[in-house]
Amino acid sequence: MNAPYPPPPPPPAAGRDRTTLWGVLGIVLGLLCCGILGIVFGWLSIRDARRNGKSPLLGWLAIAFGVVNIVASAIVRARGSYYYPYWYR
């Protein structure tokens, strides 16, 4: 009647945890150039954090910085020619 508990799952393979790598790449790219890549790498970091039982904080930060980058670049583009000095026009 009482079945034994199933064996625990095997631990994740060493060297396959890329949670920190994806999170740091997402933060750097989200802040500097590519908001979309920041969001993608943030999602990858959150996914790996859930699989390995780690904190998804770096992933959430990468997503937030990616969204901020996209919104800021949309505002800059909406304001007009930001990149040229006023005497160039």
PDB file of N, CA and C in Angstrom:
ATOM      1  N   MET A   1       0.813  -1.181   0.000  1.00  0.00           N
ATOM      2  CA  MET A   1       0.000   0.000   0.000  1.00  0.00           C
ATOM      3  C   MET A   1       0.865   1.256   0.000  1.00  0.00           C
ATOM      4  N   ASN A   2       1.855   1.277   0.838  1.00  0.00           N
ATOM      5  CA  ASN A   2       2.732   2.448   0.889  1.00  0.00           C
ATOM      6  C   ASN A   2       3.895   2.244  -0.069  1.00  0.00           C
ATOM      7  N   ALA A   3       3.880   2.994  -1.128  1.00  0.00           N
ATOM      8  CA  ALA A   3       4.966   2.903  -2.104  1.00  0.00           C
ATOM      9  C   ALA A   3       6.116   3.779  -1.636  1.00  0.00           C
ATOM     10  N   PRO A   4       7.347   3.354  -1.863  1.00  0.00           N
ATOM     11  CA  PRO A   4       8.482   4.195  -1.466  1.00  0.00           C
ATOM     12  C   PRO A   4       8.530   5.463  -2.321  1.00  0.00           C
ATOM     13  N   TYR A   5       9.143   6.464  -1.765  1.00  0.00           N
ATOM     14  CA  TYR A   5       9.288   7.718  -2.492  1.00  0.00           C
ATOM     15  C   TYR A   5      10.195   7.512  -3.698  1.00  0.00           C
ATOM     16  N   PRO A   6       9.941   8.239  -4.786  1.00  0.00           N
ATOM     17  CA  PRO A   6      10.829   8.105  -5.938  1.00  0.00           C
ATOM     18  C   PRO A   6      12.183   8.745  -5.617  1.00  0.00           C
ATOM     19  N   PRO A   7      13.222   8.305  -6.286  1.00  0.00           N
ATOM     20  CA  PRO A   7      14.538   8.895  -6.006  1.00  0.00           C
ATOM     21  C   PRO A   7      14.558  10.363  -6.427  1.00  0.00           C
ATOM     22  N   PRO A   8      15.364  11.171  -5.765  1.00  0.00           N
ATOM     23  CA  PRO A   8      15.432  12.589  -6.133  1.00  0.00           C
ATOM     24  C   PRO A   8      16.059  12.745  -7.518  1.00  0.00           C
ATOM     25  N   PRO A   9      15.727  13.836  -8.194  1.00  0.00           N
ATOM     26  CA  PRO A   9      16.320  14.032  -9.519  1.00  0.00           C
ATOM     27  C   PRO A   9      17.828  14.264  -9.397  1.00  0.00           C
ATOM     28  N   PRO A  10      18.558  13.927 -10.425  1.00  0.00           N
ATOM     29  CA  PRO A  10      20.010  14.130 -10.353  1.00  0.00           C
ATOM     30  C   PRO A  10      20.334  15.616 -10.326  1.00  0.00           C
ATOM     31  N   PRO A  11      21.435  15.987  -9.699  1.00  0.00           N
ATOM     32  CA  PRO A  11      21.805  17.408  -9.675  1.00  0.00           C
ATOM     33  C   PRO A  11      22.163  17.876 -11.073  1.00  0.00           C
ATOM     34  N   PRO A  12      22.000  19.172 -11.338  1.00  0.00           N
ATOM     35  CA  PRO A  12      22.336  19.660 -12.663  1.00  0.00           C
ATOM     36  C   PRO A  12      23.827  19.475 -12.945  1.00  0.00           C
ATOM     37  N   ALA A  13      24.127  19.281 -14.198  1.00  0.00           N
ATOM     38  CA  ALA A  13      25.521  19.055 -14.583  1.00  0.00           C
ATOM     39  C   ALA A  13      26.349  20.298 -14.303  1.00  0.00           C
ATOM     40  N   ALA A  14      27.543  20.102 -13.799  1.00  0.00           N
ATOM     41  CA  ALA A  14      28.422  21.234 -13.494  1.00  0.00           C
ATOM     42  C   ALA A  14      28.834  21.913 -14.795  1.00  0.00           C
ATOM     43  N   GLY A  15      28.875  23.222 -14.763  1.00  0.00           N
ATOM     44  CA  GLY A  15      29.284  23.968 -15.934  1.00  0.00           C
ATOM     45  C   GLY A  15      28.139  24.315 -16.868  1.00  0.00           C
ATOM     46  N   ARG A  16      26.943  23.847 -16.620  1.00  0.00           N
ATOM     47  CA  ARG A  16      25.802  24.137 -17.478  1.00  0.00           C
ATOM     48  C   ARG A  16      24.931  25.254 -16.908  1.00  0.00           C
ATOM     49  N   ASP A  17      25.269  25.751 -15.739  1.00  0.00           N
ATOM     50  CA  ASP A  17      24.489  26.826 -15.128  1.00  0.00           C
ATOM     51  C   ASP A  17      24.993  28.160 -15.673  1.00  0.00           C
ATOM     52  N   ARG A  18      24.181  28.763 -16.522  1.00  0.00           N
ATOM     53  CA  ARG A  18      24.577  30.022 -17.137  1.00  0.00           C
ATOM     54  C   ARG A  18      23.712  31.179 -16.647  1.00  0.00           C
ATOM     55  N   THR A  19      23.159  31.041 -15.464  1.00  0.00           N
ATOM     56  CA  THR A  19      22.280  32.074 -14.933  1.00  0.00           C
ATOM     57  C   THR A  19      22.990  33.414 -14.832  1.00  0.00           C
ATOM     58  N   THR A  20      24.168  33.413 -14.256  1.00  0.00           N
ATOM     59  CA  THR A  20      24.910  34.653 -14.075  1.00  0.00           C
ATOM     60  C   THR A  20      25.378  35.216 -15.412  1.00  0.00           C
ATOM     61  N   LEU A  21      25.805  34.352 -16.306  1.00  0.00           N
ATOM     62  CA  LEU A  21      26.261  34.800 -17.625  1.00  0.00           C
ATOM     63  C   LEU A  21      25.141  35.515 -18.362  1.00  0.00           C
ATOM     64  N   TRP A  22      23.967  34.894 -18.445  1.00  0.00           N
ATOM     65  CA  TRP A  22      22.853  35.525 -19.144  1.00  0.00           C
ATOM     66  C   TRP A  22      22.436  36.829 -18.461  1.00  0.00           C
ATOM     67  N   GLY A  23      22.441  36.835 -17.135  1.00  0.00           N
ATOM     68  CA  GLY A  23      22.037  38.041 -16.412  1.00  0.00           C
ATOM     69  C   GLY A  23      22.980  39.204 -16.636  1.00  0.00           C
ATOM     70  N   VAL A  24      24.273  38.948 -16.566  1.00  0.00           N
ATOM     71  CA  VAL A  24      25.250  40.026 -16.760  1.00  0.00           C
ATOM     72  C   VAL A  24      25.224  40.509 -18.210  1.00  0.00           C
ATOM     73  N   LEU A  25      25.151  39.587 -19.162  1.00  0.00           N
ATOM     74  CA  LEU A  25      25.054  39.990 -20.568  1.00  0.00           C
ATOM     75  C   LEU A  25      23.796  40.829 -20.808  1.00  0.00           C
ATOM     76  N   GLY A  26      22.694  40.437 -20.208  1.00  0.00           N
ATOM     77  CA  GLY A  26      21.459  41.194 -20.372  1.00  0.00           C
ATOM     78  C   GLY A  26      21.546  42.588 -19.785  1.00  0.00           C
ATOM     79  N   ILE A  27      22.167  42.709 -18.624  1.00  0.00           N
ATOM     80  CA  ILE A  27      22.305  44.029 -17.999  1.00  0.00           C
ATOM     81  C   ILE A  27      23.205  44.921 -18.836  1.00  0.00           C
ATOM     82  N   VAL A  28      24.347  44.407 -19.267  1.00  0.00           N
ATOM     83  CA  VAL A  28      25.287  45.222 -20.039  1.00  0.00           C
ATOM     84  C   VAL A  28      24.674  45.638 -21.372  1.00  0.00           C
ATOM     85  N   LEU A  29      24.109  44.693 -22.093  1.00  0.00           N
ATOM     86  CA  LEU A  29      23.529  45.030 -23.390  1.00  0.00           C
ATOM     87  C   LEU A  29      22.264  45.878 -23.239  1.00  0.00           C
ATOM     88  N   GLY A  30      21.502  45.635 -22.192  1.00  0.00           N
ATOM     89  CA  GLY A  30      20.305  46.437 -21.959  1.00  0.00           C
ATOM     90  C   GLY A  30      20.624  47.881 -21.629  1.00  0.00           C
ATOM     91  N   LEU A  31      21.730  48.104 -20.939  1.00  0.00           N
ATOM     92  CA  LEU A  31      22.126  49.465 -20.599  1.00  0.00           C
ATOM     93  C   LEU A  31      22.820  50.173 -21.758  1.00  0.00           C
ATOM     94  N   LEU A  32      23.678  49.479 -22.474  1.00  0.00           N
ATOM     95  CA  LEU A  32      24.521  50.148 -23.451  1.00  0.00           C
ATOM     96  C   LEU A  32      23.894  50.313 -24.826  1.00  0.00           C
ATOM     97  N   CYS A  33      23.371  49.239 -25.389  1.00  0.00           N
ATOM     98  CA  CYS A  33      22.982  49.380 -26.790  1.00  0.00           C
ATOM     99  C   CYS A  33      21.629  48.785 -27.130  1.00  0.00           C
ATOM    100  N   CYS A  34      21.403  47.565 -26.802  1.00  0.00           N
ATOM    101  CA  CYS A  34      20.277  46.825 -27.370  1.00  0.00           C
ATOM    102  C   CYS A  34      19.290  46.423 -26.283  1.00  0.00           C
ATOM    103  N   GLY A  35      18.193  47.133 -26.199  1.00  0.00           N
ATOM    104  CA  GLY A  35      17.189  46.806 -25.203  1.00  0.00           C
ATOM    105  C   GLY A  35      16.551  45.452 -25.438  1.00  0.00           C
ATOM    106  N   ILE A  36      16.352  45.111 -26.697  1.00  0.00           N
ATOM    107  CA  ILE A  36      15.721  43.819 -27.022  1.00  0.00           C
ATOM    108  C   ILE A  36      16.613  42.670 -26.565  1.00  0.00           C
ATOM    109  N   LEU A  37      17.919  42.769 -26.819  1.00  0.00           N
ATOM    110  CA  LEU A  37      18.826  41.709 -26.377  1.00  0.00           C
ATOM    111  C   LEU A  37      18.886  41.632 -24.858  1.00  0.00           C
ATOM    112  N   GLY A  38      18.789  42.776 -24.190  1.00  0.00           N
ATOM    113  CA  GLY A  38      18.739  42.767 -22.732  1.00  0.00           C
ATOM    114  C   GLY A  38      17.535  42.001 -22.214  1.00  0.00           C
ATOM    115  N   ILE A  39      16.396  42.174 -22.866  1.00  0.00           N
ATOM    116  CA  ILE A  39      15.186  41.464 -22.465  1.00  0.00           C
ATOM    117  C   ILE A  39      15.328  39.964 -22.733  1.00  0.00           C
ATOM    118  N   VAL A  40      15.889  39.611 -23.883  1.00  0.00           N
ATOM    119  CA  VAL A  40      16.046  38.192 -24.226  1.00  0.00           C
ATOM    120  C   VAL A  40      16.999  37.502 -23.259  1.00  0.00           C
ATOM    121  N   PHE A  41      18.144  38.125 -22.991  1.00  0.00           N
ATOM    122  CA  PHE A  41      19.105  37.515 -22.071  1.00  0.00           C
ATOM    123  C   PHE A  41      18.561  37.499 -20.645  1.00  0.00           C
ATOM    124  N   GLY A  42      17.760  38.492 -20.278  1.00  0.00           N
ATOM    125  CA  GLY A  42      17.115  38.472 -18.968  1.00  0.00           C
ATOM    126  C   GLY A  42      16.163  37.307 -18.828  1.00  0.00           C
ATOM    127  N   TRP A  43      15.404  37.032 -19.882  1.00  0.00           N
ATOM    128  CA  TRP A  43      14.487  35.894 -19.851  1.00  0.00           C
ATOM    129  C   TRP A  43      15.261  34.582 -19.745  1.00  0.00           C
ATOM    130  N   LEU A  44      16.381  34.474 -20.483  1.00  0.00           N
ATOM    131  CA  LEU A  44      17.204  33.264 -20.392  1.00  0.00           C
ATOM    132  C   LEU A  44      17.763  33.086 -18.979  1.00  0.00           C
ATOM    133  N   SER A  45      18.138  34.193 -18.352  1.00  0.00           N
ATOM    134  CA  SER A  45      18.662  34.125 -16.988  1.00  0.00           C
ATOM    135  C   SER A  45      17.587  33.665 -16.002  1.00  0.00           C
ATOM    136  N   ILE A  46      16.381  34.175 -16.148  1.00  0.00           N
ATOM    137  CA  ILE A  46      15.291  33.763 -15.268  1.00  0.00           C
ATOM    138  C   ILE A  46      14.974  32.289 -15.477  1.00  0.00           C
ATOM    139  N   ARG A  47      14.963  31.850 -16.716  1.00  0.00           N
ATOM    140  CA  ARG A  47      14.684  30.447 -17.016  1.00  0.00           C
ATOM    141  C   ARG A  47      15.716  29.525 -16.375  1.00  0.00           C
ATOM    142  N   ASP A  48      17.010  29.873 -16.517  1.00  0.00           N
ATOM    143  CA  ASP A  48      18.051  29.045 -15.913  1.00  0.00           C
ATOM    144  C   ASP A  48      18.015  29.115 -14.387  1.00  0.00           C
ATOM    145  N   ALA A  49      17.658  30.266 -13.836  1.00  0.00           N
ATOM    146  CA  ALA A  49      17.575  30.388 -12.378  1.00  0.00           C
ATOM    147  C   ALA A  49      16.477  29.479 -11.824  1.00  0.00           C
ATOM    148  N   ARG A  50      15.365  29.393 -12.518  1.00  0.00           N
ATOM    149  CA  ARG A  50      14.284  28.504 -12.065  1.00  0.00           C
ATOM    150  C   ARG A  50      14.699  27.042 -12.153  1.00  0.00           C
ATOM    151  N   ARG A  51      15.428  26.699 -13.206  1.00  0.00           N
ATOM    152  CA  ARG A  51      15.859  25.309 -13.370  1.00  0.00           C
ATOM    153  C   ARG A  51      16.865  24.890 -12.301  1.00  0.00           C
ATOM    154  N   ASN A  52      17.724  25.832 -11.891  1.00  0.00           N
ATOM    155  CA  ASN A  52      18.806  25.492 -10.968  1.00  0.00           C
ATOM    156  C   ASN A  52      18.539  25.942  -9.540  1.00  0.00           C
ATOM    157  N   GLY A  53      17.391  26.520  -9.274  1.00  0.00           N
ATOM    158  CA  GLY A  53      17.050  26.921  -7.922  1.00  0.00           C
ATOM    159  C   GLY A  53      17.828  28.121  -7.423  1.00  0.00           C
ATOM    160  N   LYS A  54      18.169  29.039  -8.309  1.00  0.00           N
ATOM    161  CA  LYS A  54      18.900  30.245  -7.925  1.00  0.00           C
ATOM    162  C   LYS A  54      17.983  31.458  -7.961  1.00  0.00           C
ATOM    163  N   SER A  55      18.520  32.582  -7.540  1.00  0.00           N
ATOM    164  CA  SER A  55      17.761  33.822  -7.527  1.00  0.00           C
ATOM    165  C   SER A  55      17.667  34.398  -8.944  1.00  0.00           C
ATOM    166  N   PRO A  56      16.469  34.821  -9.371  1.00  0.00           N
ATOM    167  CA  PRO A  56      16.313  35.384 -10.713  1.00  0.00           C
ATOM    168  C   PRO A  56      16.524  36.900 -10.766  1.00  0.00           C
ATOM    169  N   LEU A  57      17.177  37.473  -9.769  1.00  0.00           N
ATOM    170  CA  LEU A  57      17.311  38.922  -9.687  1.00  0.00           C
ATOM    171  C   LEU A  57      18.038  39.511 -10.890  1.00  0.00           C
ATOM    172  N   LEU A  58      19.130  38.902 -11.335  1.00  0.00           N
ATOM    173  CA  LEU A  58      19.870  39.441 -12.482  1.00  0.00           C
ATOM    174  C   LEU A  58      18.999  39.455 -13.734  1.00  0.00           C
ATOM    175  N   GLY A  59      18.188  38.445 -13.905  1.00  0.00           N
ATOM    176  CA  GLY A  59      17.297  38.404 -15.059  1.00  0.00           C
ATOM    177  C   GLY A  59      16.264  39.521 -15.031  1.00  0.00           C
ATOM    178  N   TRP A  60      15.684  39.742 -13.869  1.00  0.00           N
ATOM    179  CA  TRP A  60      14.695  40.819 -13.763  1.00  0.00           C
ATOM    180  C   TRP A  60      15.336  42.183 -13.980  1.00  0.00           C
ATOM    181  N   LEU A  61      16.562  42.366 -13.467  1.00  0.00           N
ATOM    182  CA  LEU A  61      17.268  43.634 -13.703  1.00  0.00           C
ATOM    183  C   LEU A  61      17.566  43.823 -15.186  1.00  0.00           C
ATOM    184  N   ALA A  62      17.982  42.767 -15.865  1.00  0.00           N
ATOM    185  CA  ALA A  62      18.271  42.855 -17.289  1.00  0.00           C
ATOM    186  C   ALA A  62      17.014  43.237 -18.074  1.00  0.00           C
ATOM    187  N   ILE A  63      15.881  42.642 -17.715  1.00  0.00           N
ATOM    188  CA  ILE A  63      14.634  42.989 -18.396  1.00  0.00           C
ATOM    189  C   ILE A  63      14.265  44.447 -18.128  1.00  0.00           C
ATOM    190  N   ALA A  64      14.412  44.892 -16.893  1.00  0.00           N
ATOM    191  CA  ALA A  64      14.077  46.282 -16.549  1.00  0.00           C
ATOM    192  C   ALA A  64      14.974  47.260 -17.302  1.00  0.00           C
ATOM    193  N   PHE A  65      16.271  46.994 -17.360  1.00  0.00           N
ATOM    194  CA  PHE A  65      17.182  47.895 -18.071  1.00  0.00           C
ATOM    195  C   PHE A  65      16.914  47.876 -19.578  1.00  0.00           C
ATOM    196  N   GLY A  66      16.543  46.721 -20.113  1.00  0.00           N
ATOM    197  CA  GLY A  66      16.196  46.653 -21.528  1.00  0.00           C
ATOM    198  C   GLY A  66      14.967  47.489 -21.847  1.00  0.00           C
ATOM    199  N   VAL A  67      13.956  47.420 -20.996  1.00  0.00           N
ATOM    200  CA  VAL A  67      12.742  48.213 -21.202  1.00  0.00           C
ATOM    201  C   VAL A  67      13.051  49.695 -21.064  1.00  0.00           C
ATOM    202  N   VAL A  68      13.869  50.069 -20.079  1.00  0.00           N
ATOM    203  CA  VAL A  68      14.248  51.476 -19.907  1.00  0.00           C
ATOM    204  C   VAL A  68      14.996  51.967 -21.136  1.00  0.00           C
ATOM    205  N   ASN A  69      15.877  51.149 -21.685  1.00  0.00           N
ATOM    206  CA  ASN A  69      16.613  51.536 -22.885  1.00  0.00           C
ATOM    207  C   ASN A  69      15.665  51.751 -24.060  1.00  0.00           C
ATOM    208  N   ILE A  70      14.700  50.876 -24.239  1.00  0.00           N
ATOM    209  CA  ILE A  70      13.759  51.008 -25.351  1.00  0.00           C
ATOM    210  C   ILE A  70      12.913  52.271 -25.195  1.00  0.00           C
ATOM    211  N   VAL A  71      12.429  52.527 -23.984  1.00  0.00           N
ATOM    212  CA  VAL A  71      11.603  53.717 -23.751  1.00  0.00           C
ATOM    213  C   VAL A  71      12.425  54.988 -23.941  1.00  0.00           C
ATOM    214  N   ALA A  72      13.645  55.009 -23.410  1.00  0.00           N
ATOM    215  CA  ALA A  72      14.487  56.193 -23.550  1.00  0.00           C
ATOM    216  C   ALA A  72      14.848  56.457 -25.009  1.00  0.00           C
ATOM    217  N   SER A  73      15.156  55.418 -25.749  1.00  0.00           N
ATOM    218  CA  SER A  73      15.490  55.643 -27.157  1.00  0.00           C
ATOM    219  C   SER A  73      14.257  56.089 -27.947  1.00  0.00           C
ATOM    220  N   ALA A  74      13.070  55.630 -27.582  1.00  0.00           N
ATOM    221  CA  ALA A  74      11.854  56.101 -28.252  1.00  0.00           C
ATOM    222  C   ALA A  74      11.610  57.574 -27.960  1.00  0.00           C
ATOM    223  N   ILE A  75      11.874  58.006 -26.734  1.00  0.00           N
ATOM    224  CA  ILE A  75      11.711  59.421 -26.382  1.00  0.00           C
ATOM    225  C   ILE A  75      12.719  60.269 -27.135  1.00  0.00           C
ATOM    226  N   VAL A  76      13.967  59.820 -27.214  1.00  0.00           N
ATOM    227  CA  VAL A  76      15.001  60.578 -27.926  1.00  0.00           C
ATOM    228  C   VAL A  76      14.647  60.693 -29.402  1.00  0.00           C
ATOM    229  N   ARG A  77      14.177  59.609 -29.991  1.00  0.00           N
ATOM    230  CA  ARG A  77      13.798  59.654 -31.407  1.00  0.00           C
ATOM    231  C   ARG A  77      12.588  60.547 -31.640  1.00  0.00           C
ATOM    232  N   ALA A  78      11.662  60.583 -30.710  1.00  0.00           N
ATOM    233  CA  ALA A  78      10.464  61.410 -30.869  1.00  0.00           C
ATOM    234  C   ALA A  78      10.775  62.892 -30.757  1.00  0.00           C
ATOM    235  N   ARG A  79      11.831  63.236 -30.042  1.00  0.00           N
ATOM    236  CA  ARG A  79      12.183  64.643 -29.863  1.00  0.00           C
ATOM    237  C   ARG A  79      12.833  65.238 -31.099  1.00  0.00           C
ATOM    238  N   GLY A  80      13.312  64.431 -31.997  1.00  0.00           N
ATOM    239  CA  GLY A  80      13.917  64.969 -33.216  1.00  0.00           C
ATOM    240  C   GLY A  80      15.382  64.617 -33.308  1.00  0.00           C
ATOM    241  N   SER A  81      16.117  65.447 -34.022  1.00  0.00           N
ATOM    242  CA  SER A  81      17.529  65.146 -34.284  1.00  0.00           C
ATOM    243  C   SER A  81      18.358  65.488 -33.055  1.00  0.00           C
ATOM    244  N   TYR A  82      18.533  64.521 -32.232  1.00  0.00           N
ATOM    245  CA  TYR A  82      19.268  64.691 -30.977  1.00  0.00           C
ATOM    246  C   TYR A  82      20.769  64.660 -31.209  1.00  0.00           C
ATOM    247  N   TYR A  83      21.203  63.962 -32.232  1.00  0.00           N
ATOM    248  CA  TYR A  83      22.619  63.699 -32.394  1.00  0.00           C
ATOM    249  C   TYR A  83      23.383  64.827 -33.069  1.00  0.00           C
ATOM    250  N   TYR A  84      22.701  65.784 -33.673  1.00  0.00           N
ATOM    251  CA  TYR A  84      23.379  66.878 -34.349  1.00  0.00           C
ATOM    252  C   TYR A  84      23.384  68.113 -33.467  1.00  0.00           C
ATOM    253  N   PRO A  85      24.464  68.868 -33.487  1.00  0.00           N
ATOM    254  CA  PRO A  85      24.478  70.122 -32.714  1.00  0.00           C
ATOM    255  C   PRO A  85      23.502  71.131 -33.322  1.00  0.00           C
ATOM    256  N   TYR A  86      23.139  72.134 -32.559  1.00  0.00           N
ATOM    257  CA  TYR A  86      22.121  73.061 -32.997  1.00  0.00           C
ATOM    258  C   TYR A  86      22.572  73.874 -34.206  1.00  0.00           C
ATOM    259  N   TRP A  87      23.879  74.113 -34.388  1.00  0.00           N
ATOM    260  CA  TRP A  87      24.344  74.904 -35.526  1.00  0.00           C
ATOM    261  C   TRP A  87      24.421  74.099 -36.822  1.00  0.00           C
ATOM    262  N   TYR A  88      24.262  72.791 -36.725  1.00  0.00           N
ATOM    263  CA  TYR A  88      24.363  71.932 -37.901  1.00  0.00           C
ATOM    264  C   TYR A  88      23.085  71.939 -38.722  1.00  0.00           C
ATOM    265  N   ARG A  89      21.977  72.269 -38.113  1.00  0.00           N
ATOM    266  CA  ARG A  89      20.679  72.176 -38.792  1.00  0.00           C
ATOM    267  C   ARG A  89      20.551  73.141 -39.898  1.00  0.00           C
TER     268      ARG A  89
END
